[in-house]
Amino acid sequence: MPGDHPPGHHVTVDPSGVDVMARLDDGWCSALDRNTMRCTIYSVRPQVCRDYAMGGPDCLSERSAWFAPRA
């Protein structure tokens, strides 16, 4: 979004030509610390991340799926 200024190494361009947050091979945002599950660019995170309420239903669902035991 205009006004978002995440560090450039965390940004990529999607097939439609829109700047988006880069994802690593595991599918999670490149700015996410995999050990703590916390954003490493929290103070400059994009608006879409600010709108995704930490502790909200979507957040809790994703975290639950991530921390679920794997077979």
Protein backbone atom coordinates (compact mmCIF):
# COMPACT_ATOMS: atom_id res chain seq x y z
CA MET A 1 0.00 0.00 0.00
CA PRO A 2 1.17 3.55 -0.52
CA GLY A 3 2.86 4.67 2.64
CA ASP A 4 4.14 1.18 3.52
CA HIS A 5 7.92 1.02 3.75
CA PRO A 6 9.03 -2.47 4.75
CA PRO A 7 12.71 -3.24 4.11
CA GLY A 8 13.22 -3.99 0.42
CA HIS A 9 14.66 -7.47 0.98
CA HIS A 10 11.25 -8.50 2.36
CA VAL A 11 9.37 -7.30 -0.73
CA THR A 12 8.82 -9.07 -4.03
CA VAL A 13 6.59 -8.51 -7.05
CA ASP A 14 3.72 -10.92 -7.66
CA PRO A 15 2.76 -12.12 -11.18
CA SER A 16 0.29 -9.24 -11.58
CA GLY A 17 3.06 -6.70 -10.91
CA VAL A 18 2.01 -5.78 -7.36
CA ASP A 19 4.56 -5.43 -4.55
CA VAL A 20 3.90 -8.03 -1.85
CA MET A 21 5.74 -9.34 1.18
CA ALA A 22 8.20 -12.07 0.21
CA ARG A 23 7.59 -15.60 1.44
CA LEU A 24 10.17 -18.24 2.11
CA ASP A 25 9.98 -21.88 1.01
CA ASP A 26 7.79 -22.73 4.02
CA GLY A 27 5.14 -20.28 2.81
CA TRP A 28 5.46 -17.88 5.74
CA CYS A 29 6.41 -14.22 5.41
CA SER A 30 10.15 -13.62 5.16
CA ALA A 31 9.91 -11.11 8.04
CA LEU A 32 8.61 -13.75 10.46
CA ASP A 33 11.10 -15.15 12.96
CA ARG A 34 10.42 -18.90 12.81
CA ASN A 35 11.67 -19.49 16.36
CA THR A 36 9.48 -16.93 18.10
CA MET A 37 6.70 -16.56 15.49
CA ARG A 38 7.09 -12.79 15.85
CA CYS A 39 7.47 -10.17 13.16
CA THR A 40 11.04 -8.91 12.80
CA ILE A 41 9.87 -5.64 11.18
CA TYR A 42 6.93 -4.98 13.49
CA SER A 43 7.42 -1.20 13.71
CA VAL A 44 7.45 -0.85 9.89
CA ARG A 45 5.11 -3.71 8.96
CA PRO A 46 2.71 -3.05 6.07
CA GLN A 47 -0.86 -1.88 6.68
CA VAL A 48 -2.29 -5.28 5.77
CA CYS A 49 -0.29 -6.75 8.65
CA ARG A 50 -1.48 -3.99 10.97
CA ASP A 51 -5.06 -4.84 10.00
CA TYR A 52 -4.55 -8.55 10.77
CA ALA A 53 -5.34 -8.43 14.47
CA MET A 54 -2.84 -10.30 16.63
CA GLY A 55 -4.87 -12.65 18.80
CA GLY A 56 -7.87 -12.39 16.48
CA PRO A 57 -9.66 -15.50 15.17
CA ASP A 58 -7.64 -15.69 11.93
CA CYS A 59 -4.36 -15.24 13.79
CA LEU A 60 -5.22 -17.87 16.39
CA SER A 61 -6.30 -20.32 13.69
CA GLU A 62 -3.03 -19.91 11.77
CA ARG A 63 -0.91 -20.23 14.90
CA SER A 64 -2.86 -23.30 16.00
CA ALA A 65 -2.27 -24.95 12.63
CA TRP A 66 1.42 -24.03 12.72
CA PHE A 67 2.01 -25.42 16.21
CA ALA A 68 -0.14 -28.53 15.70
CA PRO A 69 1.80 -31.79 16.08
CA ARG A 70 3.01 -33.09 12.75
CA ALA A 71 3.04 -36.76 11.90
